[in-house]
Protein backbone atom coordinates (compact mmCIF):
# COMPACT_ATOMS: atom_id res chain seq x y z
CA MET A 1 0.00 0.00 0.00
CA ARG A 2 1.30 3.45 -0.96
CA ILE A 3 0.62 5.93 1.81
CA ALA A 4 1.44 9.62 2.04
CA ILE A 5 1.29 11.28 5.45
CA VAL A 6 0.72 15.02 5.28
CA GLY A 7 2.17 16.69 8.37
CA GLY A 8 5.46 16.00 10.10
CA GLY A 9 4.37 16.66 13.67
CA SER A 10 4.38 14.15 16.49
CA VAL A 11 1.40 12.04 15.39
CA GLY A 12 2.37 12.10 11.71
CA CYS A 13 5.89 10.97 12.51
CA LEU A 14 4.64 8.24 14.85
CA ILE A 15 2.34 6.82 12.18
CA ALA A 16 5.07 7.04 9.54
CA ALA A 17 7.62 5.29 11.74
CA ARG A 18 5.27 2.48 12.73
CA LEU A 19 3.73 1.83 9.30
CA ALA A 20 7.04 1.94 7.42
CA ALA A 21 7.72 -1.78 7.94
CA ASN A 22 4.46 -2.76 6.23
CA ALA A 23 3.74 -0.08 3.62
CA GLU A 24 5.47 2.34 1.25
CA ILE A 25 5.46 5.53 3.29
CA SER A 26 6.05 9.10 2.14
CA LEU A 27 6.04 12.02 4.54
CA VAL A 28 4.98 15.45 3.24
CA VAL A 29 6.17 18.27 5.49
CA ARG A 30 5.80 22.02 5.26
CA ARG A 31 9.45 23.07 5.52
CA ALA A 32 12.25 21.97 3.22
CA ALA A 33 14.71 22.04 6.13
CA ALA A 34 12.55 19.59 8.10
CA ALA A 35 12.30 17.27 5.10
CA LYS A 36 16.09 17.35 4.69
CA GLU A 37 16.60 16.54 8.37
CA ILE A 38 14.22 13.56 8.18
CA ARG A 39 15.82 12.27 4.98
CA ARG A 40 19.24 12.50 6.59
CA HIS A 41 18.46 11.01 9.99
CA GLY A 42 15.12 9.25 9.58
CA ILE A 43 12.44 9.49 12.25
CA ARG A 44 14.02 9.15 15.67
CA MET A 45 11.57 7.82 18.21
CA THR A 46 11.73 7.04 21.90
CA THR A 47 9.23 4.27 22.66
CA PRO A 48 7.07 4.07 25.80
CA ALA A 49 9.58 1.48 27.10
CA GLY A 50 12.42 4.01 26.70
CA ARG A 51 14.00 2.32 23.69
CA GLU A 52 15.36 4.61 20.99
CA VAL A 53 14.76 3.63 17.37
CA ARG A 54 15.53 5.24 14.03
CA VAL A 55 13.33 4.60 10.98
CA PRO A 56 14.28 5.72 7.45
CA VAL A 57 11.37 7.50 5.74
CA ALA A 58 11.05 9.32 2.42
CA ALA A 59 10.28 12.97 3.14
CA SER A 60 9.76 16.08 1.03
CA ASP A 61 8.10 19.47 1.11
CA ASP A 62 6.96 18.81 -2.49
CA PRO A 63 4.02 16.38 -2.78
CA LEU A 64 4.68 16.01 -6.51
CA ALA A 65 7.79 14.03 -5.54
CA PHE A 66 5.56 11.12 -4.53
CA GLY A 67 2.66 10.96 -6.98
CA PRO A 68 -0.76 9.33 -6.47
CA GLN A 69 -1.24 7.24 -3.33
CA ASP A 70 -3.66 4.58 -2.14
CA LEU A 71 -4.20 6.48 1.09
CA VAL A 72 -3.44 10.02 2.23
CA ILE A 73 -3.33 10.45 6.01
CA VAL A 74 -3.67 14.11 6.99
CA CYS A 75 -2.03 14.85 10.35
CA VAL A 76 -2.27 18.61 10.78
CA LYS A 77 -4.15 20.77 13.24
CA ALA A 78 -7.85 21.19 12.44
CA TYR A 79 -7.41 24.90 11.73
CA ALA A 80 -4.55 24.13 9.28
CA LEU A 81 -6.57 21.83 7.01
CA LYS A 82 -7.35 24.57 4.50
CA GLY A 83 -3.63 25.17 4.14
CA VAL A 84 -3.02 21.64 2.82
CA LEU A 85 -5.99 21.36 0.45
CA HIS A 86 -3.74 22.12 -2.51
CA VAL A 87 -1.59 19.11 -1.61
CA LEU A 88 -4.35 16.51 -1.79
CA PRO A 89 -4.96 16.53 -5.59
CA GLN A 90 -1.22 16.06 -6.15
CA LEU A 91 -1.30 12.88 -4.07
CA SER A 92 -4.63 11.54 -5.27
CA GLY A 93 -5.76 9.17 -7.99
CA PRO A 94 -9.31 7.95 -8.77
CA GLU A 95 -9.29 5.43 -5.90
CA THR A 96 -7.31 7.36 -3.28
CA ARG A 97 -8.83 7.53 0.18
CA ILE A 98 -8.34 10.52 2.49
CA MET A 99 -8.03 9.94 6.23
CA PRO A 100 -7.77 13.05 8.44
CA VAL A 101 -6.38 12.29 11.90
CA ILE A 102 -7.47 15.43 13.70
CA ASN A 103 -8.79 16.53 17.06
CA GLY A 104 -12.34 17.61 17.73
CA ILE A 105 -15.46 17.56 15.55
CA PRO A 106 -14.41 17.14 11.89
CA TRP A 107 -15.84 19.28 9.12
CA TRP A 108 -17.39 16.18 7.52
CA TYR A 109 -19.53 15.36 10.58
CA PRO A 110 -22.85 16.37 8.91
CA ALA A 111 -22.22 14.08 5.89
CA ALA A 112 -24.82 11.29 5.51
CA GLN A 113 -26.70 12.58 8.56
CA PRO A 114 -30.42 13.34 8.90
CA ALA A 115 -31.90 16.81 9.40
CA PRO A 116 -31.09 19.24 10.89
CA LEU A 117 -27.46 18.26 10.19
CA ALA A 118 -27.98 17.14 6.58
CA GLY A 119 -26.15 19.41 4.18
CA ARG A 120 -25.03 21.73 6.95
CA VAL A 121 -21.60 23.36 7.01
CA LEU A 122 -20.17 23.71 10.52
CA ALA A 123 -19.05 27.33 10.77
CA SER A 124 -16.73 26.62 13.69
CA VAL A 125 -14.51 24.24 11.69
CA ASP A 126 -15.31 25.08 8.06
CA PRO A 127 -16.41 28.73 8.12
CA ASP A 128 -16.20 29.32 4.37
CA GLY A 129 -17.22 25.80 3.32
CA LEU A 130 -13.93 25.14 1.52
CA LEU A 131 -13.29 21.77 3.14
CA SER A 132 -16.79 20.50 2.44
CA ALA A 133 -16.55 21.62 -1.18
CA ALA A 134 -13.05 20.29 -1.81
CA ILE A 135 -13.16 16.76 -0.35
CA ASP A 136 -15.75 14.22 -1.46
CA PRO A 137 -17.09 12.47 1.67
CA GLU A 138 -17.17 9.23 -0.34
CA ARG A 139 -13.35 9.28 -0.25
CA LEU A 140 -13.11 9.78 3.50
CA ILE A 141 -12.11 7.42 6.26
CA GLY A 142 -12.83 8.75 9.76
CA ALA A 143 -10.16 8.26 12.41
CA VAL A 144 -9.82 8.70 16.15
CA THR A 145 -6.58 8.21 18.05
CA TYR A 146 -5.64 8.30 21.71
CA VAL A 147 -1.85 8.14 21.35
CA ALA A 148 0.14 10.41 23.66
CA VAL A 149 3.21 11.58 21.78
CA GLU A 150 5.48 14.63 21.99
CA SER A 151 7.56 16.34 19.31
CA GLN A 152 11.16 17.08 20.26
CA GLY A 153 12.38 18.52 16.96
CA ASP A 154 12.18 17.76 13.25
CA GLY A 155 11.54 14.03 12.99
CA VAL A 156 12.27 13.48 16.69
CA ILE A 157 9.40 12.22 18.86
CA ARG A 158 8.73 10.63 22.23
CA HIS A 159 5.88 8.15 22.26
CA VAL A 160 4.62 8.50 25.82
CA ASN A 161 1.67 6.16 26.02
CA ASP A 162 -1.22 4.38 24.30
CA GLN A 163 -1.52 2.66 20.92
CA ARG A 164 -5.23 3.05 20.11
CA PHE A 165 -6.76 3.96 16.75
CA VAL A 166 -10.39 3.64 15.69
CA PHE A 167 -11.43 3.91 12.04
CA GLY A 168 -14.82 4.17 10.41
CA ASP A 169 -16.65 5.07 7.24
CA PRO A 170 -18.69 8.29 7.67
CA ALA A 171 -21.73 6.49 6.21
CA GLY A 172 -21.26 3.49 8.51
CA ARG A 173 -20.34 1.08 5.72
CA GLU A 174 -17.97 -1.86 5.97
CA THR A 175 -15.59 -1.43 3.04
CA PRO A 176 -12.48 -3.27 1.82
CA GLU A 177 -10.49 -0.05 2.23
CA LEU A 178 -11.55 0.30 5.86
CA ALA A 179 -10.68 -3.34 6.57
CA GLY A 180 -7.29 -3.00 4.86
CA ILE A 181 -6.33 0.14 6.78
CA THR A 182 -7.34 -1.40 10.09
CA ASP A 183 -5.34 -4.55 9.35
CA LEU A 184 -2.29 -2.50 8.38
CA PHE A 185 -2.34 -0.58 11.67
CA VAL A 186 -2.76 -3.81 13.64
CA ARG A 187 0.19 -5.43 11.84
CA SER A 188 2.22 -2.30 12.61
CA GLY A 189 1.70 -2.70 16.35
CA PHE A 190 -1.21 -0.35 16.99
CA ALA A 191 -4.33 -1.38 18.90
CA ALA A 192 -6.59 -0.59 15.95
CA ARG A 193 -10.20 -1.47 15.24
CA ALA A 194 -13.00 -0.49 12.88
CA SER A 195 -16.28 0.97 14.10
CA ALA A 196 -19.67 1.11 12.42
CA ASP A 197 -20.39 4.32 14.40
CA ILE A 198 -17.35 6.55 14.03
CA ARG A 199 -19.25 9.60 15.28
CA SER A 200 -19.79 8.03 18.70
CA GLU A 201 -16.07 7.26 18.77
CA ILE A 202 -15.30 10.90 17.94
CA TRP A 203 -17.48 12.07 20.84
CA THR A 204 -15.94 9.61 23.28
CA LYS A 205 -12.52 11.13 22.65
CA LEU A 206 -13.85 14.68 22.39
CA TRP A 207 -15.64 14.15 25.70
CA GLY A 208 -12.30 14.25 27.48
CA ASN A 209 -10.45 16.63 25.15
CA LEU A 210 -12.97 19.46 25.41
CA ALA A 211 -12.53 19.40 29.19
CA PHE A 212 -8.90 18.50 29.80
CA ASN A 213 -7.28 20.44 26.95
CA PRO A 214 -8.53 23.95 27.78
CA LEU A 215 -8.18 23.31 31.52
CA SER A 216 -4.56 22.33 30.97
CA VAL A 217 -3.95 25.69 29.28
CA LEU A 218 -5.65 27.59 32.09
CA THR A 219 -3.80 25.73 34.86
CA GLY A 220 -0.57 24.52 33.24
CA ALA A 221 -1.24 21.13 34.86
CA PRO A 222 -0.72 17.67 33.32
CA LEU A 223 -3.55 15.20 32.83
CA THR A 224 -3.23 13.29 36.10
CA THR A 225 -3.43 16.49 38.14
CA ILE A 226 -6.47 17.79 36.27
CA CYS A 227 -8.22 14.44 36.69
CA THR A 228 -7.47 14.03 40.39
CA ASN A 229 -7.55 17.57 41.79
CA PRO A 230 -11.07 17.96 43.26
CA GLY A 231 -11.68 21.39 41.73
CA THR A 232 -10.55 20.71 38.17
CA ARG A 233 -12.10 17.25 38.26
CA ASP A 234 -15.46 18.79 39.14
CA VAL A 235 -15.20 21.35 36.34
CA SER A 236 -14.22 18.58 33.91
CA ALA A 237 -17.22 16.50 34.93
CA ARG A 238 -19.60 19.44 34.43
CA MET A 239 -18.17 20.16 30.98
CA MET A 240 -18.50 16.50 30.04
CA ALA A 241 -22.09 16.36 31.28
CA GLU A 242 -22.99 19.32 29.05
CA ALA A 243 -21.22 17.72 26.08
CA ARG A 244 -23.03 14.42 26.68
CA ALA A 245 -26.39 16.23 26.55
CA VAL A 246 -25.44 17.64 23.13
CA ALA A 247 -24.15 14.33 21.79
CA GLU A 248 -27.24 12.42 22.89
CA ARG A 249 -29.39 14.83 20.88
CA LEU A 250 -27.29 13.75 17.90
CA GLY A 251 -28.01 10.09 18.56
CA VAL A 252 -24.60 9.36 20.05
CA THR A 253 -24.25 6.69 22.71
CA PHE A 254 -21.38 6.53 25.20
CA GLY A 255 -19.93 3.21 26.25
CA MET A 256 -18.65 4.51 29.57
CA SER A 257 -19.57 6.87 32.38
CA ILE A 258 -18.03 10.27 33.06
CA ASP A 259 -16.08 8.80 35.98
CA GLU A 260 -14.73 6.04 33.75
CA ARG A 261 -13.71 8.53 31.04
CA ILE A 262 -11.86 10.67 33.58
CA ALA A 263 -10.13 7.58 34.99
CA THR A 264 -8.99 6.59 31.48
CA SER A 265 -7.28 9.94 31.04
CA ALA A 266 -5.81 9.95 34.54
CA ALA A 267 -4.12 6.64 33.77
CA ILE A 268 -2.07 8.27 30.99
CA GLY A 269 0.05 9.96 33.65
CA ASP A 270 1.83 13.30 33.87
CA PHE A 271 1.40 14.05 30.18
CA LYS A 272 0.92 17.56 28.83
CA THR A 273 -2.10 17.73 26.55
CA SER A 274 -1.46 18.66 22.92
CA MET A 275 -3.19 21.99 23.57
CA LEU A 276 -0.88 22.80 26.48
CA GLN A 277 2.12 21.85 24.32
CA ASP A 278 0.83 24.22 21.63
CA TYR A 279 0.23 27.00 24.16
CA GLU A 280 3.73 26.73 25.58
CA ALA A 281 5.24 26.69 22.08
CA GLY A 282 3.34 29.84 21.10
CA ARG A 283 1.19 28.04 18.54
CA ARG A 284 -2.48 28.58 17.77
CA LEU A 285 -4.88 26.47 19.82
CA GLU A 286 -7.50 24.08 18.37
CA LEU A 287 -10.31 25.65 20.36
CA GLU A 288 -12.76 25.88 17.45
CA ALA A 289 -12.77 22.16 16.65
CA ILE A 290 -12.55 20.92 20.22
CA VAL A 291 -14.88 23.29 22.08
CA GLY A 292 -16.40 25.70 19.55
CA ALA A 293 -17.95 22.95 17.42
CA ALA A 294 -19.61 21.37 20.46
CA ILE A 295 -21.10 24.76 21.35
CA GLU A 296 -22.28 25.27 17.75
CA LEU A 297 -24.07 21.91 17.82
CA ALA A 298 -25.53 22.77 21.23
CA GLU A 299 -27.01 25.96 19.76
CA LEU A 300 -28.50 23.99 16.87
CA PHE A 301 -30.44 21.80 19.32
CA GLY A 302 -31.06 24.40 22.03
CA VAL A 303 -28.95 22.64 24.66
CA PRO A 304 -27.53 24.96 27.38
CA VAL A 305 -23.77 24.63 27.84
CA PRO A 306 -22.75 27.42 30.26
CA THR A 307 -19.59 25.76 31.55
CA LEU A 308 -18.31 25.06 28.04
CA ARG A 309 -18.93 28.69 27.09
CA THR A 310 -17.14 29.99 30.20
CA ILE A 311 -14.05 27.80 29.77
CA LEU A 312 -13.85 28.61 26.04
CA ALA A 313 -13.96 32.35 26.77
CA LEU A 314 -11.27 32.09 29.46
CA THR A 315 -8.97 29.91 27.37
CA ASP A 316 -9.38 32.06 24.29
CA LEU A 317 -8.54 35.20 26.32
CA ARG A 318 -5.44 33.50 27.76
CA ALA A 319 -4.27 32.44 24.30
CA ASN A 320 -4.86 35.89 22.81
CA SER A 321 -3.15 37.61 25.75
CA ARG A 322 -0.11 35.42 25.23
CA ALA A 323 -0.03 36.30 21.54
CA ALA A 324 -0.13 39.99 22.40
């Protein structure tokens, strides 16, 4: 299988390094200097067991260097998706599948859904409708991942914890492409599975992210502290209860309780959320996809979400104050 991974951050490099033994992998990165560094040294990864490995991977800032692929995995921040739209046609043939591995509610969420979602463009994640217009939902594979991984430089990552990926067709179909991708990830050492209800899987992850990520920015605390400190744990639980009320209006079912979801995150350990890593590095935060989209859907169904609104306002102010 020919696979191009767009985005050379921590998750993109982890996927590239792990899949390289079982597929023809190409890594498309934004900066020529980063591509040169990866070509020279490969992806250097510290595993959860502390072992250091080096994996050779083809890398370039020019997608035309690789040609059409069987699968394009897009590993960029949700707000950066528009910036890579021009790359996708250069990597795509008639049968190419596109798999965005992103945080939050994806722009394609309304696809194949009943009213009032049918045909709707989510302004929080696709304000001008470019993503919806550019990418045929028939080509899409939905993906959710729980891996905890940190970037330590161009092509240098530390895989902290977890191996889980969940894949699904947005229309709920079982397809050969979905089965093949799932099998590839399993053979590459990930705990991967396919789901007939990828939207419920998205909400199960989002359930924690929309609470823990902004709270980590506001407090500077790692996951375990947020999950075990009585105050932040209570705020997290209230945010998750509001989010659950929204999701249930969308027909989503949760396979665990709020307490169980918090315990799952606490078990990851003293890991800085991706949003806290972005905040400390001076990067833009994924607030729109992770919190803003949940609030937009709440408004659509008339569900009150006062805690989500408060935490979004505080986190957005903190991020903007830092930028100033």
